Amino acid sequence: MSEAEPLKRKDYEGRLKDLHAELVRLQLWVKHTGAKVCIVFEGRDGAGKGGVIKAILERVSPRVFRVIALPPPTEREKSQMFVQRYLPHLPAAGEVVIFDRSWYNRAGVERVMGFCTEEQAKTFLSSVAYVEKAIIESGVILLKYWLEVSPEEQTRRMEGRIDDPRKVWKLSPMDIESYTRWDEYSRARDEMFAASDTAWAPWYVARSDDKKRARLNIIAHLLSKIPYEDVRREKVKLPKRDNIGRYQERDFTRNGVPEVY
């Protein structure tokens, strides 16, 4: 089977527009019903997690859709149960929380880069499925996505960051070191799947060499996994303005923004 042709921008934007409309429907349903949705995104550096999250957030409210991307743990947090610092960020009623990397750092980057011991990693893997079961039993809809990128495409994307001033922040020394450990990440990923791909919280894998298709496929999939329905809304009609023009507005010329474009 041959690879699909790359999507043209017009086709991509048209399909994404339809999905954005569905995400807004989902948002209204989440607010109306008090649903709690948690979406986890994991994958190698350069797999496209940020692009997928950006596509999801483009037309929804940040008051409903929240993104969690935690910094390295503090000394106090290092002494806690590993998942403890993530739990306060789980959704309350009427929220969708998206984790840009999650508690699975322990099974991935921390394990591969030596930031935790093998014993700590194995302890995490032996318990994470039960933690997620408790999360789901509390009423949270939990979806977990792994974005899988090929080594060739990862290299192309990493090289593209080197001279792009918009992307240089994505190339930390740890990113460079991680790039050299492809097989170690593959082994860690497979052990993570074996321990945490459960009936109640399965992993969903998306091929992400084609960024546009991956974004569309993931959004369509997550919408299919949440039982949202239309929320009835009254059609909005703008009222007439009263007395417009009677107030003399101030001149903002003195402190206006220069129009250089």
Protein backbone atom coordinates (compact mmCIF):
# COMPACT_ATOMS: atom_id res chain seq x y z
CA MET A 1 0.00 0.00 0.00
CA SER A 2 1.53 3.32 -1.10
CA GLU A 3 1.74 6.33 1.19
CA ALA A 4 -1.07 8.86 0.95
CA GLU A 5 -0.34 12.09 -0.87
CA PRO A 6 0.39 15.04 1.44
CA LEU A 7 -2.74 17.05 2.18
CA LYS A 8 -2.99 20.37 0.41
CA ARG A 9 -3.30 23.29 2.77
CA LYS A 10 -6.80 24.15 1.55
CA ASP A 11 -8.02 20.58 2.17
CA TYR A 12 -6.36 20.48 5.57
CA GLU A 13 -7.83 23.80 6.67
CA GLY A 14 -11.30 22.81 5.47
CA ARG A 15 -11.26 19.54 7.40
CA LEU A 16 -9.76 21.21 10.46
CA LYS A 17 -12.52 23.84 10.38
CA ASP A 18 -15.14 21.07 10.60
CA LEU A 19 -13.29 19.44 13.50
CA HIS A 20 -13.00 22.80 15.28
CA ALA A 21 -16.78 23.12 15.09
CA GLU A 22 -17.06 19.70 16.76
CA LEU A 23 -14.58 20.70 19.45
CA VAL A 24 -16.77 23.72 20.22
CA ARG A 25 -19.78 21.37 20.49
CA LEU A 26 -17.72 19.23 22.86
CA GLN A 27 -16.83 22.30 24.91
CA LEU A 28 -20.48 23.30 25.30
CA TRP A 29 -21.36 19.75 26.36
CA VAL A 30 -18.51 19.59 28.88
CA LYS A 31 -19.62 22.87 30.47
CA HIS A 32 -23.30 21.90 30.43
CA THR A 33 -22.87 18.43 31.90
CA GLY A 34 -19.89 19.02 34.19
CA ALA A 35 -17.91 16.32 32.39
CA LYS A 36 -14.21 15.85 33.22
CA VAL A 37 -11.87 15.04 30.33
CA CYS A 38 -8.13 14.36 30.54
CA ILE A 39 -6.00 13.90 27.40
CA VAL A 40 -2.38 12.77 27.66
CA PHE A 41 0.10 13.31 24.82
CA GLU A 42 3.41 11.47 24.79
CA GLY A 43 6.05 10.73 22.16
CA ARG A 44 9.65 11.38 21.22
CA ASP A 45 11.06 14.87 20.73
CA GLY A 46 9.89 16.16 17.37
CA ALA A 47 6.92 13.82 17.16
CA GLY A 48 4.47 16.73 16.84
CA LYS A 49 2.77 16.87 20.23
CA GLY A 50 2.84 20.64 20.35
CA GLY A 51 1.30 20.99 16.90
CA VAL A 52 -1.58 18.67 17.75
CA ILE A 53 -2.28 20.53 21.00
CA LYS A 54 -2.15 23.89 19.22
CA ALA A 55 -4.64 22.63 16.62
CA ILE A 56 -7.02 21.47 19.36
CA LEU A 57 -6.87 24.78 21.23
CA GLU A 58 -7.18 27.11 18.27
CA ARG A 59 -10.95 27.76 18.53
CA VAL A 60 -11.89 26.76 22.08
CA SER A 61 -11.89 28.60 25.38
CA PRO A 62 -8.80 28.48 27.61
CA ARG A 63 -11.21 28.56 30.54
CA VAL A 64 -12.44 25.10 29.57
CA PHE A 65 -9.41 23.61 27.78
CA ARG A 66 -6.28 23.82 29.94
CA VAL A 67 -2.77 22.68 28.95
CA ILE A 68 -0.42 21.31 31.60
CA ALA A 69 3.30 21.19 30.79
CA LEU A 70 5.09 20.89 34.10
CA PRO A 71 8.71 22.02 34.65
CA PRO A 72 11.28 19.74 36.30
CA PRO A 73 10.24 18.78 39.86
CA THR A 74 11.43 20.77 42.86
CA GLU A 75 13.39 19.11 45.64
CA ARG A 76 10.18 18.82 47.65
CA GLU A 77 8.31 17.26 44.73
CA LYS A 78 11.12 14.76 44.22
CA SER A 79 10.38 13.38 47.68
CA GLN A 80 6.67 12.83 46.90
CA MET A 81 4.95 9.88 45.30
CA PHE A 82 5.77 10.35 41.63
CA VAL A 83 2.24 10.99 40.32
CA GLN A 84 1.41 13.27 43.25
CA ARG A 85 2.36 16.54 41.58
CA TYR A 86 0.20 15.73 38.56
CA LEU A 87 -2.98 14.93 40.50
CA PRO A 88 -3.88 18.56 41.40
CA HIS A 89 -3.98 19.35 37.68
CA LEU A 90 -6.59 16.73 36.82
CA PRO A 91 -9.85 18.22 35.52
CA ALA A 92 -12.67 19.44 37.72
CA ALA A 93 -16.26 19.45 36.47
CA GLY A 94 -16.60 21.29 33.17
CA GLU A 95 -12.93 21.09 32.20
CA VAL A 96 -10.76 19.46 29.54
CA VAL A 97 -7.14 19.11 30.66
CA ILE A 98 -4.41 18.31 28.14
CA PHE A 99 -1.06 17.04 29.43
CA ASP A 100 1.89 17.92 27.18
CA ARG A 101 3.91 15.07 28.65
CA SER A 102 2.63 13.62 31.88
CA TRP A 103 3.33 11.18 34.69
CA TYR A 104 4.77 8.96 31.96
CA ASN A 105 7.96 11.04 32.16
CA ARG A 106 9.02 8.47 34.74
CA ALA A 107 8.71 5.65 32.20
CA GLY A 108 10.29 7.64 29.36
CA VAL A 109 12.72 10.52 29.57
CA GLU A 110 13.60 10.07 33.26
CA ARG A 111 14.34 6.39 32.80
CA VAL A 112 16.31 6.78 29.56
CA MET A 113 18.28 9.81 30.69
CA GLY A 114 19.10 8.36 34.13
CA PHE A 115 17.07 10.85 36.19
CA CYS A 116 15.53 7.99 38.14
CA THR A 117 16.73 4.53 39.08
CA GLU A 118 15.56 1.35 37.40
CA GLU A 119 13.84 0.41 40.64
CA GLN A 120 11.91 3.70 40.62
CA ALA A 121 10.89 3.20 36.99
CA LYS A 122 9.71 -0.35 37.61
CA THR A 123 7.79 0.73 40.72
CA PHE A 124 6.02 3.34 38.64
CA LEU A 125 5.19 0.84 35.88
CA SER A 126 3.80 -1.65 38.38
CA SER A 127 1.39 0.89 39.88
CA VAL A 128 0.40 3.34 37.12
CA ALA A 129 -2.43 1.19 35.74
CA TYR A 130 -4.13 1.13 39.15
CA VAL A 131 -3.69 4.88 39.59
CA GLU A 132 -5.36 5.45 36.23
CA LYS A 133 -8.17 3.10 37.17
CA ALA A 134 -8.82 5.22 40.25
CA ILE A 135 -8.76 8.38 38.11
CA ILE A 136 -11.34 6.91 35.75
CA GLU A 137 -13.51 5.63 38.60
CA SER A 138 -13.61 9.20 39.92
CA GLY A 139 -15.48 10.16 36.74
CA VAL A 140 -12.65 11.35 34.48
CA ILE A 141 -12.65 10.45 30.78
CA LEU A 142 -8.96 9.59 30.22
CA LEU A 143 -7.44 9.37 26.73
CA LYS A 144 -3.75 8.57 26.14
CA TYR A 145 -1.99 9.23 22.82
CA TRP A 146 1.48 8.25 21.72
CA LEU A 147 2.79 10.04 18.60
CA GLU A 148 5.17 7.82 16.67
CA VAL A 149 7.65 9.52 14.34
CA SER A 150 10.23 7.80 12.14
CA PRO A 151 13.95 8.36 12.81
CA GLU A 152 14.34 10.04 9.40
CA GLU A 153 11.50 12.49 10.01
CA GLN A 154 12.68 13.21 13.54
CA THR A 155 16.12 14.10 12.16
CA ARG A 156 14.58 16.40 9.55
CA ARG A 157 12.54 18.21 12.18
CA MET A 158 15.41 18.53 14.64
CA GLU A 159 17.68 19.92 11.92
CA GLY A 160 14.94 22.39 11.01
CA ARG A 161 15.08 23.83 14.53
CA ILE A 162 18.78 24.68 14.41
CA ASP A 163 18.58 27.86 12.30
CA ASP A 164 14.94 28.80 12.87
CA PRO A 165 14.75 31.61 15.46
CA ARG A 166 11.16 30.57 16.23
CA LYS A 167 12.23 27.07 17.24
CA VAL A 168 15.66 27.35 18.86
CA TRP A 169 14.07 27.05 22.31
CA LYS A 170 13.07 23.49 21.36
CA LEU A 171 16.73 22.39 21.21
CA SER A 172 17.98 22.06 24.77
CA PRO A 173 21.12 20.05 25.60
CA MET A 174 18.84 17.29 26.88
CA ASP A 175 16.95 17.23 23.57
CA ILE A 176 20.25 16.72 21.75
CA GLU A 177 21.30 13.95 24.14
CA SER A 178 17.88 12.28 23.84
CA TYR A 179 18.25 12.29 20.05
CA THR A 180 21.19 9.88 20.32
CA ARG A 181 19.20 7.26 22.27
CA TRP A 182 16.62 6.03 19.77
CA ASP A 183 16.73 2.34 20.73
CA GLU A 184 16.66 3.08 24.45
CA TYR A 185 13.50 5.15 23.97
CA SER A 186 11.97 2.38 21.86
CA ARG A 187 12.63 -0.16 24.60
CA ALA A 188 11.23 2.17 27.27
CA ARG A 189 8.13 2.84 25.15
CA ASP A 190 7.45 -0.86 24.67
CA GLU A 191 7.79 -1.64 28.37
CA MET A 192 5.52 1.32 29.16
CA PHE A 193 2.88 -0.01 26.76
CA ALA A 194 3.14 -3.50 28.23
CA ALA A 195 2.49 -2.17 31.73
CA SER A 196 -0.12 0.51 31.07
CA ASP A 197 -2.07 -0.39 27.91
CA THR A 198 -5.13 -1.54 29.82
CA ALA A 199 -8.76 -2.19 28.99
CA TRP A 200 -9.78 0.87 31.03
CA ALA A 201 -7.01 3.20 29.80
CA PRO A 202 -5.61 1.98 26.47
CA TRP A 203 -2.85 3.69 24.52
CA TYR A 204 -3.72 5.06 21.09
CA VAL A 205 -0.81 5.34 18.65
CA ALA A 206 -0.78 7.91 15.85
CA ARG A 207 1.77 7.92 13.05
CA SER A 208 2.95 11.51 12.85
CA ASP A 209 5.39 11.76 9.95
CA ASP A 210 2.60 13.61 8.13
CA LYS A 211 1.80 16.35 10.65
CA LYS A 212 -1.41 17.53 9.05
CA ARG A 213 -2.95 14.08 8.80
CA ALA A 214 -1.85 13.22 12.34
CA ARG A 215 -3.58 16.31 13.74
CA LEU A 216 -6.81 15.58 11.90
CA ASN A 217 -6.76 11.88 12.80
CA ILE A 218 -6.12 12.50 16.49
CA ILE A 219 -8.81 15.17 16.84
CA ALA A 220 -11.35 13.02 15.00
CA HIS A 221 -10.43 10.03 17.17
CA LEU A 222 -10.68 11.82 20.51
CA LEU A 223 -14.07 13.23 19.50
CA SER A 224 -15.23 9.70 18.72
CA LYS A 225 -14.20 8.53 22.21
CA ILE A 226 -16.17 11.14 24.15
CA PRO A 227 -19.98 10.69 24.26
CA TYR A 228 -20.79 14.38 23.80
CA GLU A 229 -24.14 15.57 22.47
CA ASP A 230 -25.59 18.82 21.16
CA VAL A 231 -26.48 21.33 23.84
CA ARG A 232 -29.51 23.39 22.93
CA ARG A 233 -28.75 27.09 22.68
CA GLU A 234 -30.97 30.00 21.84
CA LYS A 235 -30.01 31.70 18.59
CA VAL A 236 -28.16 34.91 19.38
CA LYS A 237 -29.58 38.17 18.07
CA LEU A 238 -27.68 41.39 18.64
CA PRO A 239 -29.76 44.11 20.33
CA LYS A 240 -29.82 47.70 19.11
CA ARG A 241 -27.28 50.10 20.54
CA ASP A 242 -28.72 53.06 22.42
CA ASN A 243 -27.40 56.61 22.25
CA ILE A 244 -24.26 55.75 20.27
CA GLY A 245 -22.31 58.85 19.34
CA ARG A 246 -23.51 61.08 22.19
CA TYR A 247 -20.36 60.47 24.23
CA GLN A 248 -17.21 62.25 23.10
CA GLU A 249 -14.46 59.62 23.15
CA ARG A 250 -10.91 60.61 24.02
CA ASP A 251 -8.11 60.90 21.49
CA PHE A 252 -5.72 57.97 21.81
CA THR A 253 -3.09 59.36 19.42
CA ARG A 254 -0.61 60.25 22.19
CA ASN A 255 -0.15 56.71 23.43
CA GLY A 256 -1.27 54.67 20.45
CA VAL A 257 0.74 51.74 19.11
CA PRO A 258 2.88 52.79 16.09
CA GLU A 259 1.40 51.38 12.88
CA VAL A 260 4.62 49.98 11.39
CA TYR A 261 2.86 47.21 9.43
